[in-house]
Amino acid sequence: MPVTALWYGNGLKSLASGLVDFANDDIYVMLLDNTHTPDQDAHDFINDVSGDEVVGTGYTAGGALMSTPSLTYTGATNILKFDGVDVSWAASTITARFAVVYKNTGTPATSPLLLYINAGADVSTTNGLFQVTWHADGIAKITAS
């Protein structure tokens, strides 16, 4: 499922205010089912979406830690890009439609949502590899103007 993500409004605010440090914070990816309805304006912390989290073999509640999340700015294009290593769950039996990226503070009510992806349809595995493959050009971007 190669995807590009959409920022939550409060995720952008968390980023701009310095609440999120991609080099030092625990950035997680949580999978959500098809009952989820994203709200970029109202959803701000993981407790707003965790009721729609998937349950299944090979998946741990709260999702998976993202390896090497990073922010890079390219002056020639005026683009700030968020990227990281694809996230996967091996030997899993799960069905998901959405994934959310968030900073895990250890407390759902203070763990800010950053962005989400919508696969557009249910994606399932049966004792197989479930992988969120980020877009080759980065997970999400912000263009300075």
Protein backbone atom coordinates (compact mmCIF):
# COMPACT_ATOMS: atom_id res chain seq x y z
CA MET A 1 0.00 0.00 0.00
CA PRO A 2 2.25 2.89 -1.20
CA VAL A 3 0.70 6.05 0.19
CA THR A 4 1.07 9.74 0.82
CA ALA A 5 -0.17 11.15 4.11
CA LEU A 6 -2.35 14.11 5.07
CA TRP A 7 -1.43 16.35 8.01
CA TYR A 8 -3.75 16.87 10.96
CA GLY A 9 -4.19 20.60 11.62
CA ASN A 10 -3.10 20.19 15.22
CA GLY A 11 -0.23 17.99 14.02
CA LEU A 12 1.11 20.92 12.02
CA LYS A 13 0.67 23.12 15.10
CA SER A 14 2.59 20.58 17.22
CA LEU A 15 5.36 20.52 14.63
CA ALA A 16 5.56 24.32 14.34
CA SER A 17 5.56 24.85 18.11
CA GLY A 18 8.42 22.40 18.67
CA LEU A 19 6.26 19.90 20.55
CA VAL A 20 7.53 17.17 18.21
CA ASP A 21 11.22 16.36 17.75
CA PHE A 22 11.57 13.71 15.06
CA ALA A 23 15.19 13.02 16.03
CA ASN A 24 14.44 12.25 19.68
CA ASP A 25 10.74 11.48 20.16
CA ASP A 26 9.06 8.09 19.78
CA ILE A 27 7.04 8.35 16.56
CA TYR A 28 4.52 5.52 16.12
CA VAL A 29 2.20 4.23 13.40
CA MET A 30 -1.19 2.90 14.52
CA LEU A 31 -3.59 1.03 12.22
CA LEU A 32 -7.31 1.83 12.19
CA ASP A 33 -10.26 -0.05 10.77
CA ASN A 34 -12.90 0.99 8.23
CA THR A 35 -15.23 2.44 10.89
CA HIS A 36 -12.83 5.36 11.36
CA THR A 37 -13.77 8.79 10.01
CA PRO A 38 -10.75 11.12 9.91
CA ASP A 39 -11.24 14.70 11.12
CA GLN A 40 -8.19 16.82 10.37
CA ASP A 41 -9.56 19.71 12.44
CA ALA A 42 -11.04 18.04 15.54
CA HIS A 43 -8.70 15.08 16.12
CA ASP A 44 -5.62 16.17 18.01
CA PHE A 45 -4.47 13.31 20.26
CA ILE A 46 -4.35 9.53 19.85
CA ASN A 47 -7.27 9.06 22.28
CA ASP A 48 -9.50 10.65 19.61
CA VAL A 49 -8.92 7.73 17.22
CA SER A 50 -7.82 4.75 19.33
CA GLY A 51 -11.39 3.39 19.55
CA ASP A 52 -11.05 2.44 15.88
CA GLU A 53 -7.71 0.65 16.26
CA VAL A 54 -7.41 -2.76 14.63
CA VAL A 55 -7.10 -5.94 16.67
CA GLY A 56 -5.40 -9.03 15.35
CA THR A 57 -2.61 -11.56 15.51
CA GLY A 58 0.83 -10.02 15.15
CA TYR A 59 -0.39 -6.49 15.92
CA THR A 60 0.31 -4.77 19.25
CA ALA A 61 -2.05 -2.11 20.58
CA GLY A 62 -0.60 1.34 20.00
CA GLY A 63 1.03 0.31 16.75
CA ALA A 64 4.71 0.15 15.86
CA LEU A 65 7.65 2.45 16.44
CA MET A 66 8.73 4.18 13.23
CA SER A 67 12.40 3.72 12.44
CA THR A 68 14.45 6.83 11.62
CA PRO A 69 11.72 9.46 11.18
CA SER A 70 13.20 12.63 9.74
CA LEU A 71 12.46 16.15 8.58
CA THR A 72 14.54 17.66 5.80
CA TYR A 73 14.27 21.04 4.12
CA THR A 74 15.36 21.63 0.53
CA GLY A 75 15.97 25.30 -0.17
CA ALA A 76 15.89 24.93 -3.95
CA THR A 77 12.27 23.72 -3.83
CA ASN A 78 11.18 25.32 -0.52
CA ILE A 79 9.89 21.93 0.63
CA LEU A 80 10.00 20.51 4.15
CA LYS A 81 9.68 16.73 3.87
CA PHE A 82 8.81 14.19 6.54
CA ASP A 83 10.07 10.70 5.84
CA GLY A 84 10.89 7.43 7.56
CA VAL A 85 11.32 3.72 7.03
CA ASP A 86 8.28 1.68 5.94
CA VAL A 87 6.43 0.12 8.88
CA SER A 88 5.37 -3.51 8.95
CA TRP A 89 3.86 -6.25 11.05
CA ALA A 90 5.18 -9.75 10.28
CA ALA A 91 3.07 -12.90 10.50
CA SER A 92 -0.03 -10.79 11.09
CA THR A 93 -3.72 -11.42 10.59
CA ILE A 94 -5.30 -7.98 10.48
CA THR A 95 -7.52 -5.76 8.35
CA ALA A 96 -6.94 -2.00 8.25
CA ARG A 97 -7.96 0.96 6.11
CA PHE A 98 -6.19 3.83 7.86
CA ALA A 99 -2.85 4.45 9.53
CA VAL A 100 -2.06 7.36 11.82
CA VAL A 101 1.35 8.68 12.71
CA TYR A 102 1.72 10.15 16.18
CA LYS A 103 4.20 11.09 18.90
CA ASN A 104 3.88 8.53 21.68
CA THR A 105 4.17 10.26 25.07
CA GLY A 106 2.90 7.17 26.89
CA THR A 107 -0.44 8.87 27.59
CA PRO A 108 -3.12 8.79 24.86
CA ALA A 109 -4.60 12.17 25.87
CA THR A 110 -1.20 13.89 25.37
CA SER A 111 0.13 11.90 22.37
CA PRO A 112 -0.34 14.29 19.42
CA LEU A 113 -1.60 13.02 16.08
CA LEU A 114 0.63 14.18 13.23
CA LEU A 115 -0.79 12.75 10.02
CA TYR A 116 -2.85 9.94 8.58
CA ILE A 117 -3.18 7.86 5.46
CA ASN A 118 -6.28 6.38 3.90
CA ALA A 119 -5.66 3.23 1.86
CA GLY A 120 -9.04 3.76 0.14
CA ALA A 121 -10.10 0.18 0.82
CA ASP A 122 -9.51 -2.49 3.43
CA VAL A 123 -6.06 -4.08 3.34
CA SER A 124 -5.79 -7.51 4.96
CA THR A 125 -3.25 -10.15 5.81
CA THR A 126 -3.69 -13.72 6.95
CA ASN A 127 -0.53 -14.86 8.75
CA GLY A 128 1.46 -12.61 6.43
CA LEU A 129 3.37 -9.35 6.21
CA PHE A 130 1.27 -6.20 6.59
CA GLN A 131 3.36 -3.27 5.41
CA VAL A 132 2.71 0.45 5.14
CA THR A 133 4.92 1.50 2.23
CA TRP A 134 5.42 5.25 2.24
CA HIS A 135 5.55 7.21 -1.00
CA ALA A 136 9.03 7.16 -2.56
CA ASP A 137 9.16 10.96 -2.42
CA GLY A 138 8.41 11.12 1.32
CA ILE A 139 5.51 10.58 3.68
CA ALA A 140 4.26 14.17 3.77
CA LYS A 141 5.44 17.62 2.69
CA ILE A 142 4.99 21.26 3.51
CA THR A 143 5.84 23.87 0.91
CA ALA A 144 7.12 27.24 2.14
CA SER A 145 5.83 30.18 0.16
